[in-house]
N, C-alpha and C. Protein backbone atom coordinates (compact mmCIF):
# COMPACT_ATOMS: atom_id res chain seq x y z
N THR A 1 0.84 -1.19 0.00
CA THR A 1 0.00 0.00 0.00
C THR A 1 0.88 1.24 0.00
N TYR A 2 0.53 2.22 -0.81
CA TYR A 2 1.26 3.47 -0.91
C TYR A 2 0.26 4.61 -0.72
N HIS A 3 0.61 5.56 0.13
CA HIS A 3 -0.24 6.72 0.38
C HIS A 3 0.28 7.89 -0.44
N SER A 4 -0.55 8.41 -1.32
CA SER A 4 -0.17 9.51 -2.20
C SER A 4 -1.25 10.58 -2.14
N GLY A 5 -0.96 11.68 -1.44
CA GLY A 5 -1.97 12.72 -1.29
C GLY A 5 -3.16 12.17 -0.52
N PRO A 6 -4.36 12.38 -1.02
CA PRO A 6 -5.54 11.88 -0.30
C PRO A 6 -5.88 10.42 -0.60
N GLU A 7 -5.12 9.79 -1.52
CA GLU A 7 -5.47 8.44 -1.96
C GLU A 7 -4.44 7.40 -1.52
N PHE A 8 -4.91 6.15 -1.44
CA PHE A 8 -4.06 5.00 -1.17
C PHE A 8 -4.04 4.13 -2.42
N LYS A 9 -2.87 3.61 -2.76
CA LYS A 9 -2.72 2.68 -3.88
C LYS A 9 -2.24 1.36 -3.31
N SER A 10 -2.87 0.25 -3.70
CA SER A 10 -2.52 -1.07 -3.19
C SER A 10 -2.48 -2.08 -4.31
N ILE A 11 -1.65 -3.10 -4.12
CA ILE A 11 -1.63 -4.25 -5.02
C ILE A 11 -1.59 -5.50 -4.16
N PRO A 12 -2.23 -6.58 -4.61
CA PRO A 12 -2.19 -7.82 -3.82
C PRO A 12 -0.84 -8.52 -4.04
N ILE A 13 -0.27 -9.04 -2.96
CA ILE A 13 0.95 -9.84 -3.04
C ILE A 13 0.83 -11.00 -2.07
N ASN A 14 1.59 -12.07 -2.33
CA ASN A 14 1.70 -13.15 -1.37
C ASN A 14 2.47 -12.65 -0.16
N PHE A 15 2.33 -13.34 0.97
CA PHE A 15 3.03 -12.91 2.17
C PHE A 15 4.52 -12.79 1.90
N ALA A 16 5.11 -11.68 2.32
CA ALA A 16 6.56 -11.47 2.21
C ALA A 16 6.99 -10.56 3.34
N CYS A 17 8.08 -10.90 3.95
CA CYS A 17 8.70 -10.05 4.96
C CYS A 17 9.95 -9.46 4.31
N PHE A 18 9.86 -8.20 3.90
CA PHE A 18 10.96 -7.58 3.19
C PHE A 18 12.08 -7.20 4.17
N LYS A 19 13.28 -7.70 3.89
CA LYS A 19 14.44 -7.54 4.76
C LYS A 19 15.41 -6.49 4.25
N ALA A 20 15.39 -6.19 2.95
CA ALA A 20 16.33 -5.23 2.37
C ALA A 20 15.63 -4.44 1.26
N VAL A 21 15.96 -3.16 1.18
CA VAL A 21 15.37 -2.26 0.19
C VAL A 21 16.49 -1.42 -0.40
N GLY A 22 16.44 -1.20 -1.71
CA GLY A 22 17.41 -0.33 -2.36
C GLY A 22 16.75 0.42 -3.50
N GLN A 23 17.08 1.69 -3.65
CA GLN A 23 16.51 2.53 -4.69
C GLN A 23 17.20 2.27 -6.02
N LEU A 24 16.42 2.08 -7.10
CA LEU A 24 16.98 1.85 -8.43
C LEU A 24 17.14 3.14 -9.23
N ASP A 25 16.16 4.02 -9.16
CA ASP A 25 16.16 5.25 -9.95
C ASP A 25 16.30 6.47 -9.05
N ALA A 26 16.96 7.48 -9.58
CA ALA A 26 17.13 8.72 -8.81
C ALA A 26 15.79 9.36 -8.49
N ASN A 27 14.78 9.16 -9.36
CA ASN A 27 13.48 9.79 -9.12
C ASN A 27 12.57 8.97 -8.21
N GLY A 28 13.05 7.80 -7.74
CA GLY A 28 12.27 7.00 -6.80
C GLY A 28 11.14 6.21 -7.42
N SER A 29 11.16 5.99 -8.74
CA SER A 29 10.07 5.27 -9.38
C SER A 29 10.26 3.75 -9.35
N ARG A 30 11.48 3.26 -9.10
CA ARG A 30 11.72 1.82 -9.02
C ARG A 30 12.57 1.52 -7.79
N TRP A 31 12.16 0.46 -7.06
CA TRP A 31 12.82 0.06 -5.83
C TRP A 31 13.10 -1.44 -5.85
N LEU A 32 14.27 -1.84 -5.38
CA LEU A 32 14.60 -3.24 -5.19
C LEU A 32 14.10 -3.68 -3.83
N LEU A 33 13.54 -4.87 -3.74
CA LEU A 33 13.08 -5.42 -2.47
C LEU A 33 13.61 -6.85 -2.36
N GLY A 34 14.10 -7.21 -1.20
CA GLY A 34 14.54 -8.57 -0.92
C GLY A 34 13.77 -9.11 0.26
N ASP A 35 13.17 -10.30 0.11
CA ASP A 35 12.35 -10.82 1.19
C ASP A 35 13.07 -11.88 2.03
N HIS A 36 12.37 -12.39 3.03
CA HIS A 36 12.92 -13.34 3.99
C HIS A 36 13.29 -14.68 3.37
N LEU A 37 12.81 -14.97 2.17
CA LEU A 37 13.12 -16.23 1.49
C LEU A 37 14.22 -16.07 0.43
N GLY A 38 14.71 -14.84 0.26
CA GLY A 38 15.75 -14.60 -0.73
C GLY A 38 15.23 -14.18 -2.09
N HIS A 39 13.92 -14.00 -2.23
CA HIS A 39 13.36 -13.53 -3.51
C HIS A 39 13.71 -12.05 -3.70
N LEU A 40 14.03 -11.70 -4.94
CA LEU A 40 14.31 -10.31 -5.30
C LEU A 40 13.19 -9.79 -6.18
N TYR A 41 12.74 -8.57 -5.88
CA TYR A 41 11.64 -7.95 -6.62
C TYR A 41 12.03 -6.53 -7.02
N VAL A 42 11.32 -6.02 -8.03
CA VAL A 42 11.36 -4.59 -8.35
C VAL A 42 9.95 -4.06 -8.13
N LEU A 43 9.83 -3.03 -7.31
CA LEU A 43 8.57 -2.33 -7.11
C LEU A 43 8.59 -1.09 -8.00
N VAL A 44 7.61 -0.99 -8.89
CA VAL A 44 7.52 0.13 -9.83
C VAL A 44 6.38 1.04 -9.41
N LEU A 45 6.68 2.31 -9.21
CA LEU A 45 5.68 3.31 -8.86
C LEU A 45 5.45 4.21 -10.08
N ALA A 46 4.33 4.03 -10.77
CA ALA A 46 3.99 4.90 -11.90
C ALA A 46 3.38 6.18 -11.35
N ASN A 47 3.76 7.32 -11.92
CA ASN A 47 3.21 8.57 -11.39
C ASN A 47 2.90 9.54 -12.51
N SER A 48 2.06 10.49 -12.18
CA SER A 48 1.70 11.58 -13.07
C SER A 48 1.77 12.86 -12.26
N ASN A 49 2.64 13.76 -12.67
CA ASN A 49 2.82 15.04 -11.97
C ASN A 49 3.12 14.85 -10.48
N GLY A 50 3.94 13.83 -10.17
CA GLY A 50 4.35 13.60 -8.80
C GLY A 50 3.35 12.83 -7.95
N ILE A 51 2.22 12.44 -8.51
CA ILE A 51 1.21 11.67 -7.79
C ILE A 51 1.29 10.23 -8.28
N VAL A 52 1.46 9.27 -7.35
CA VAL A 52 1.53 7.87 -7.73
C VAL A 52 0.16 7.42 -8.22
N THR A 53 0.14 6.85 -9.45
CA THR A 53 -1.11 6.42 -10.06
C THR A 53 -1.29 4.90 -10.01
N SER A 54 -0.18 4.16 -9.94
CA SER A 54 -0.30 2.70 -9.86
C SER A 54 1.01 2.10 -9.34
N LEU A 55 0.90 0.87 -8.86
CA LEU A 55 2.04 0.10 -8.36
C LEU A 55 2.12 -1.21 -9.15
N ALA A 56 3.35 -1.70 -9.32
CA ALA A 56 3.54 -3.03 -9.90
C ALA A 56 4.73 -3.67 -9.20
N LEU A 57 4.63 -4.97 -8.95
CA LEU A 57 5.70 -5.71 -8.29
C LEU A 57 6.14 -6.82 -9.24
N GLU A 58 7.42 -6.78 -9.64
CA GLU A 58 7.96 -7.77 -10.57
C GLU A 58 9.00 -8.61 -9.86
N LYS A 59 8.86 -9.93 -9.94
CA LYS A 59 9.84 -10.83 -9.33
C LYS A 59 11.03 -10.97 -10.27
N LEU A 60 12.25 -10.75 -9.74
CA LEU A 60 13.47 -10.88 -10.55
C LEU A 60 14.06 -12.27 -10.47
N GLY A 61 14.14 -12.82 -9.29
CA GLY A 61 14.79 -14.11 -9.11
C GLY A 61 15.00 -14.36 -7.64
N GLN A 62 15.99 -15.21 -7.33
CA GLN A 62 16.23 -15.57 -5.94
C GLN A 62 17.71 -15.77 -5.67
N THR A 63 18.16 -15.29 -4.52
CA THR A 63 19.49 -15.57 -3.98
C THR A 63 19.24 -16.10 -2.58
N SER A 64 20.18 -15.94 -1.69
CA SER A 64 19.88 -16.19 -0.29
C SER A 64 19.33 -14.88 0.28
N GLN A 65 18.88 -14.90 1.51
CA GLN A 65 18.26 -13.72 2.12
C GLN A 65 19.21 -12.52 2.08
N ALA A 66 18.76 -11.43 1.49
CA ALA A 66 19.58 -10.22 1.37
C ALA A 66 19.57 -9.44 2.67
N SER A 67 20.74 -8.92 3.03
CA SER A 67 20.79 -7.96 4.14
C SER A 67 21.07 -6.57 3.60
N THR A 68 21.60 -6.47 2.37
CA THR A 68 21.79 -5.18 1.69
C THR A 68 21.48 -5.37 0.21
N LEU A 69 20.94 -4.34 -0.43
CA LEU A 69 20.70 -4.34 -1.87
C LEU A 69 21.16 -2.99 -2.42
N SER A 70 21.97 -3.02 -3.46
CA SER A 70 22.43 -1.78 -4.08
C SER A 70 22.51 -1.95 -5.58
N TYR A 71 21.88 -1.03 -6.29
CA TYR A 71 21.99 -0.98 -7.74
C TYR A 71 23.09 0.03 -8.03
N LEU A 72 24.21 -0.45 -8.55
CA LEU A 72 25.38 0.42 -8.64
C LEU A 72 25.94 0.62 -10.03
N ASP A 73 25.86 -0.39 -10.90
CA ASP A 73 26.62 -0.30 -12.14
C ASP A 73 26.03 -1.13 -13.25
N ASN A 74 25.83 -0.53 -14.40
CA ASN A 74 25.54 -1.22 -15.66
C ASN A 74 24.48 -2.31 -15.56
N GLY A 75 23.37 -2.05 -14.92
CA GLY A 75 22.29 -3.02 -14.86
C GLY A 75 22.52 -4.18 -13.91
N VAL A 76 23.47 -4.02 -12.98
CA VAL A 76 23.78 -5.09 -12.03
C VAL A 76 23.38 -4.66 -10.62
N VAL A 77 22.71 -5.56 -9.91
CA VAL A 77 22.35 -5.35 -8.51
C VAL A 77 23.37 -6.11 -7.67
N PHE A 78 23.92 -5.46 -6.66
CA PHE A 78 24.85 -6.12 -5.75
C PHE A 78 24.12 -6.44 -4.46
N VAL A 79 24.18 -7.70 -4.06
CA VAL A 79 23.44 -8.20 -2.91
C VAL A 79 24.44 -8.70 -1.87
N GLY A 80 24.49 -8.01 -0.73
CA GLY A 80 25.23 -8.52 0.41
C GLY A 80 24.28 -9.43 1.15
N SER A 81 24.67 -10.68 1.36
CA SER A 81 23.71 -11.68 1.79
C SER A 81 24.10 -12.36 3.09
N THR A 82 23.08 -12.90 3.75
CA THR A 82 23.30 -13.61 5.00
C THR A 82 24.03 -14.93 4.80
N ASP A 83 24.22 -15.37 3.57
CA ASP A 83 24.99 -16.59 3.32
C ASP A 83 26.49 -16.31 3.23
N LYS A 84 26.90 -15.10 3.63
CA LYS A 84 28.30 -14.66 3.61
C LYS A 84 28.88 -14.66 2.20
N MET A 85 28.03 -14.21 1.25
CA MET A 85 28.44 -14.07 -0.15
C MET A 85 28.04 -12.69 -0.63
N LEU A 86 28.82 -12.16 -1.57
CA LEU A 86 28.45 -10.97 -2.31
C LEU A 86 27.99 -11.46 -3.67
N HIS A 87 26.74 -11.18 -4.02
CA HIS A 87 26.15 -11.63 -5.27
C HIS A 87 26.01 -10.44 -6.22
N ALA A 88 26.25 -10.68 -7.50
CA ALA A 88 25.94 -9.72 -8.56
C ALA A 88 24.82 -10.35 -9.38
N VAL A 89 23.71 -9.61 -9.53
CA VAL A 89 22.52 -10.13 -10.20
C VAL A 89 22.15 -9.18 -11.32
N ASP A 90 21.85 -9.72 -12.50
CA ASP A 90 21.40 -8.90 -13.63
C ASP A 90 20.04 -8.32 -13.29
N ALA A 91 19.92 -7.00 -13.30
CA ALA A 91 18.68 -6.34 -12.88
C ALA A 91 17.53 -6.62 -13.84
N ALA A 92 17.80 -6.87 -15.10
CA ALA A 92 16.75 -7.10 -16.07
C ALA A 92 16.21 -8.53 -16.02
N THR A 93 17.09 -9.51 -15.81
CA THR A 93 16.67 -10.91 -15.88
C THR A 93 16.58 -11.59 -14.52
N GLY A 94 17.25 -11.04 -13.51
CA GLY A 94 17.29 -11.68 -12.20
C GLY A 94 18.29 -12.81 -12.11
N LYS A 95 19.05 -13.04 -13.18
CA LYS A 95 20.03 -14.13 -13.18
C LYS A 95 21.32 -13.70 -12.51
N LYS A 96 21.92 -14.65 -11.78
CA LYS A 96 23.16 -14.39 -11.07
C LYS A 96 24.29 -14.21 -12.09
N VAL A 97 25.05 -13.11 -11.96
CA VAL A 97 26.20 -12.84 -12.81
C VAL A 97 27.43 -13.52 -12.20
N TRP A 98 27.62 -13.33 -10.91
CA TRP A 98 28.70 -13.98 -10.16
C TRP A 98 28.38 -13.91 -8.68
N GLN A 99 29.13 -14.66 -7.91
CA GLN A 99 29.09 -14.55 -6.45
C GLN A 99 30.50 -14.73 -5.93
N SER A 100 30.78 -14.06 -4.83
CA SER A 100 32.12 -14.12 -4.25
C SER A 100 31.98 -14.29 -2.74
N PRO A 101 32.78 -15.18 -2.15
CA PRO A 101 32.68 -15.37 -0.70
C PRO A 101 33.18 -14.14 0.06
N LEU A 102 32.51 -13.84 1.16
CA LEU A 102 32.94 -12.76 2.04
C LEU A 102 33.86 -13.33 3.10
N THR A 103 34.94 -12.61 3.39
CA THR A 103 35.95 -13.12 4.31
C THR A 103 35.77 -12.62 5.73
N GLY A 104 34.84 -11.69 5.94
CA GLY A 104 34.59 -11.17 7.28
C GLY A 104 33.90 -12.20 8.16
N LYS A 105 33.87 -11.93 9.44
CA LYS A 105 33.32 -12.89 10.40
C LYS A 105 31.81 -13.02 10.33
N LYS A 106 31.11 -11.93 10.02
CA LYS A 106 29.66 -11.95 10.12
C LYS A 106 28.94 -11.70 8.80
N GLY A 107 29.62 -11.62 7.70
CA GLY A 107 28.97 -11.27 6.44
C GLY A 107 28.96 -9.76 6.29
N PRO A 108 28.11 -9.23 5.40
CA PRO A 108 28.15 -7.79 5.11
C PRO A 108 27.70 -6.95 6.29
N ALA A 109 28.43 -5.87 6.54
CA ALA A 109 28.08 -4.93 7.60
C ALA A 109 27.69 -3.58 7.03
N SER A 110 27.62 -3.47 5.69
CA SER A 110 27.28 -2.20 5.07
C SER A 110 26.61 -2.44 3.73
N SER A 111 26.12 -1.37 3.15
CA SER A 111 25.68 -1.42 1.77
C SER A 111 26.92 -1.29 0.89
N PRO A 112 26.92 -1.96 -0.27
CA PRO A 112 28.07 -1.84 -1.17
C PRO A 112 28.22 -0.42 -1.71
N LEU A 113 29.46 -0.05 -2.01
CA LEU A 113 29.80 1.25 -2.61
C LEU A 113 30.48 0.98 -3.94
N TYR A 114 30.02 1.62 -5.01
CA TYR A 114 30.64 1.48 -6.33
C TYR A 114 31.53 2.68 -6.62
N HIS A 115 32.72 2.41 -7.17
CA HIS A 115 33.61 3.48 -7.61
C HIS A 115 34.53 2.93 -8.71
N GLU A 116 34.38 3.45 -9.93
CA GLU A 116 35.26 3.16 -11.06
C GLU A 116 35.53 1.66 -11.26
N GLY A 117 34.49 0.86 -11.39
CA GLY A 117 34.66 -0.56 -11.70
C GLY A 117 34.95 -1.45 -10.50
N THR A 118 34.88 -0.89 -9.31
CA THR A 118 35.15 -1.66 -8.10
C THR A 118 33.98 -1.47 -7.14
N VAL A 119 33.61 -2.54 -6.46
CA VAL A 119 32.59 -2.45 -5.42
C VAL A 119 33.30 -2.69 -4.08
N TYR A 120 33.02 -1.81 -3.13
CA TYR A 120 33.63 -1.86 -1.79
C TYR A 120 32.56 -2.27 -0.80
N LEU A 121 32.93 -3.14 0.12
CA LEU A 121 31.98 -3.62 1.11
C LEU A 121 32.66 -3.70 2.46
N GLN A 122 32.04 -3.04 3.44
CA GLN A 122 32.53 -3.13 4.81
C GLN A 122 31.96 -4.41 5.40
N GLN A 123 32.82 -5.34 5.66
CA GLN A 123 32.40 -6.61 6.25
C GLN A 123 33.28 -6.96 7.43
N ALA A 124 33.98 -5.94 7.95
CA ALA A 124 34.93 -6.11 9.05
C ALA A 124 35.89 -7.24 8.72
N PRO A 125 36.71 -7.05 7.71
CA PRO A 125 37.38 -5.87 7.19
C PRO A 125 36.69 -5.23 5.97
N LEU A 126 37.25 -4.08 5.54
CA LEU A 126 36.84 -3.42 4.31
C LEU A 126 37.48 -4.17 3.15
N SER A 127 36.67 -4.52 2.15
CA SER A 127 37.17 -5.27 1.01
C SER A 127 36.75 -4.62 -0.30
N ALA A 128 37.55 -4.85 -1.35
CA ALA A 128 37.28 -4.34 -2.69
C ALA A 128 37.14 -5.52 -3.65
N TYR A 129 36.12 -5.45 -4.53
CA TYR A 129 35.84 -6.51 -5.49
C TYR A 129 35.73 -5.94 -6.89
N ASP A 130 36.23 -6.66 -7.88
CA ASP A 130 36.06 -6.29 -9.28
C ASP A 130 34.60 -6.51 -9.66
N THR A 131 33.95 -5.49 -10.26
CA THR A 131 32.53 -5.61 -10.57
C THR A 131 32.24 -6.55 -11.73
N LYS A 132 33.19 -6.81 -12.57
CA LYS A 132 32.96 -7.71 -13.72
C LYS A 132 33.10 -9.18 -13.33
N SER A 133 34.08 -9.51 -12.48
CA SER A 133 34.37 -10.92 -12.17
C SER A 133 34.00 -11.34 -10.75
N GLY A 134 33.90 -10.38 -9.83
CA GLY A 134 33.66 -10.70 -8.43
C GLY A 134 34.93 -11.04 -7.66
N GLN A 135 36.07 -10.98 -8.34
CA GLN A 135 37.33 -11.30 -7.67
C GLN A 135 37.64 -10.27 -6.59
N GLU A 136 38.02 -10.74 -5.41
CA GLU A 136 38.43 -9.83 -4.35
C GLU A 136 39.78 -9.23 -4.74
N LEU A 137 39.84 -7.90 -4.80
CA LEU A 137 41.06 -7.20 -5.21
C LEU A 137 41.98 -6.95 -4.03
N TRP A 138 41.41 -6.54 -2.91
CA TRP A 138 42.18 -6.34 -1.69
C TRP A 138 41.24 -6.32 -0.50
N THR A 139 41.83 -6.49 0.66
CA THR A 139 41.11 -6.36 1.91
C THR A 139 42.00 -5.62 2.89
N ASN A 140 41.40 -4.74 3.69
CA ASN A 140 42.17 -3.97 4.65
C ASN A 140 41.67 -4.33 6.05
N LYS A 141 42.43 -5.14 6.75
CA LYS A 141 42.03 -5.63 8.07
C LYS A 141 42.20 -4.59 9.17
N ASP A 142 42.80 -3.43 8.83
CA ASP A 142 42.90 -2.35 9.81
C ASP A 142 41.60 -1.57 9.92
N VAL A 143 40.72 -1.74 8.94
CA VAL A 143 39.46 -1.00 8.91
C VAL A 143 38.32 -1.98 9.23
N VAL A 144 37.87 -1.94 10.47
CA VAL A 144 36.74 -2.76 10.91
C VAL A 144 35.70 -1.85 11.51
N THR A 145 34.45 -2.23 11.42
CA THR A 145 33.38 -1.39 11.92
C THR A 145 32.13 -2.21 12.16
N THR A 146 31.13 -1.57 12.65
CA THR A 146 29.83 -2.20 12.80
C THR A 146 28.79 -1.37 12.08
N ASN A 147 28.38 -1.83 10.92
CA ASN A 147 27.23 -1.30 10.19
C ASN A 147 27.33 0.10 9.59
N SER A 148 28.49 0.62 9.33
CA SER A 148 28.54 1.90 8.62
C SER A 148 29.04 1.66 7.20
N SER A 149 28.40 2.30 6.24
CA SER A 149 28.75 2.12 4.84
C SER A 149 29.88 3.05 4.44
N PRO A 150 30.79 2.58 3.58
CA PRO A 150 31.86 3.44 3.11
C PRO A 150 31.34 4.49 2.13
N ALA A 151 32.12 5.55 1.94
CA ALA A 151 31.84 6.60 0.97
C ALA A 151 33.13 6.86 0.20
N VAL A 152 33.05 7.62 -0.89
CA VAL A 152 34.24 7.91 -1.68
C VAL A 152 34.32 9.40 -1.96
N CYS A 153 35.55 9.93 -1.94
CA CYS A 153 35.81 11.32 -2.27
C CYS A 153 37.19 11.40 -2.93
N LYS A 154 37.23 11.77 -4.21
CA LYS A 154 38.49 11.95 -4.95
C LYS A 154 39.40 10.74 -4.85
N GLY A 155 38.84 9.53 -5.03
CA GLY A 155 39.64 8.32 -5.03
C GLY A 155 40.02 7.80 -3.66
N ILE A 156 39.51 8.42 -2.60
CA ILE A 156 39.79 7.97 -1.24
C ILE A 156 38.49 7.38 -0.68
N ILE A 157 38.56 6.13 -0.26
CA ILE A 157 37.41 5.47 0.36
C ILE A 157 37.40 5.87 1.83
N LEU A 158 36.31 6.43 2.28
CA LEU A 158 36.16 6.86 3.67
C LEU A 158 35.36 5.81 4.42
N ALA A 159 35.91 5.34 5.53
CA ALA A 159 35.24 4.29 6.30
C ALA A 159 35.48 4.49 7.79
N ASN A 160 34.45 4.23 8.56
CA ASN A 160 34.55 4.30 10.02
C ASN A 160 35.19 3.01 10.53
N SER A 161 36.06 3.15 11.50
CA SER A 161 36.67 1.98 12.13
C SER A 161 36.89 2.29 13.59
N LYS A 162 36.10 1.64 14.43
CA LYS A 162 36.23 1.83 15.87
C LYS A 162 36.20 3.31 16.24
N ASN A 163 35.18 4.02 15.73
CA ASN A 163 34.96 5.45 16.00
C ASN A 163 36.07 6.36 15.47
N THR A 164 36.79 5.90 14.46
CA THR A 164 37.82 6.71 13.80
C THR A 164 37.53 6.72 12.31
N LEU A 165 37.53 7.90 11.69
CA LEU A 165 37.34 8.00 10.25
C LEU A 165 38.67 7.72 9.57
N ASN A 166 38.68 6.74 8.68
CA ASN A 166 39.88 6.36 7.95
C ASN A 166 39.69 6.66 6.47
N GLY A 167 40.79 6.98 5.80
CA GLY A 167 40.81 7.12 4.35
C GLY A 167 41.69 6.03 3.79
N ILE A 168 41.20 5.34 2.77
CA ILE A 168 41.94 4.25 2.15
C ILE A 168 42.04 4.56 0.67
N ASP A 169 43.25 4.58 0.14
CA ASP A 169 43.43 4.81 -1.29
C ASP A 169 42.70 3.70 -2.05
N ALA A 170 41.81 4.07 -2.95
CA ALA A 170 40.98 3.11 -3.66
C ALA A 170 41.79 2.15 -4.53
N TYR A 171 42.98 2.55 -4.91
CA TYR A 171 43.76 1.75 -5.84
C TYR A 171 44.86 0.93 -5.15
N SER A 172 45.46 1.49 -4.12
CA SER A 172 46.61 0.80 -3.49
C SER A 172 46.26 0.18 -2.14
N CYS A 173 45.10 0.51 -1.58
CA CYS A 173 44.68 0.03 -0.27
C CYS A 173 45.49 0.68 0.86
N LEU A 174 46.24 1.74 0.57
CA LEU A 174 47.04 2.43 1.57
C LEU A 174 46.10 3.13 2.55
N LEU A 175 46.37 2.96 3.85
CA LEU A 175 45.51 3.49 4.90
C LEU A 175 46.03 4.85 5.37
N TYR A 176 45.09 5.83 5.45
CA TYR A 176 45.38 7.13 6.04
C TYR A 176 44.50 7.27 7.26
N THR A 177 45.08 7.60 8.41
CA THR A 177 44.26 7.80 9.61
C THR A 177 44.43 9.20 10.13
């Protein structure tokens, strides 16, 4: 159900407990949803002059239960999952492009960050993955945190670690504190 002005818009769906949400479009018309069973959906909000006129829910596919969902690059959704894997899923077909094991103790602790062909994930440690292959490029065990997502500024990955803001060179993994 969506509330838009004086009206409510609803669509029927089977029971789902949505565990992860990620925005697909800058204008907020499409949203990624991940449920408790690992199903991935796209919620489409059609609008006219800023008023939502209809809703549609499209099933993309299934991975394991998502804890983070991010649409970052070239039609690929990156899913940080409770199965301690980073999944890349084709946004149009829902088919898995690749998956890569996470080396952190608890799985993903942040939403993925995309920067110039690399996806960064704080999983205690901070790790970098190639977006085309899923290969882990580097990991920085000096940068550990609980649930804060990294950011990027001029090629420097900014990440919280034990209440300290750290800068990590995106290319060399060199740590600046």
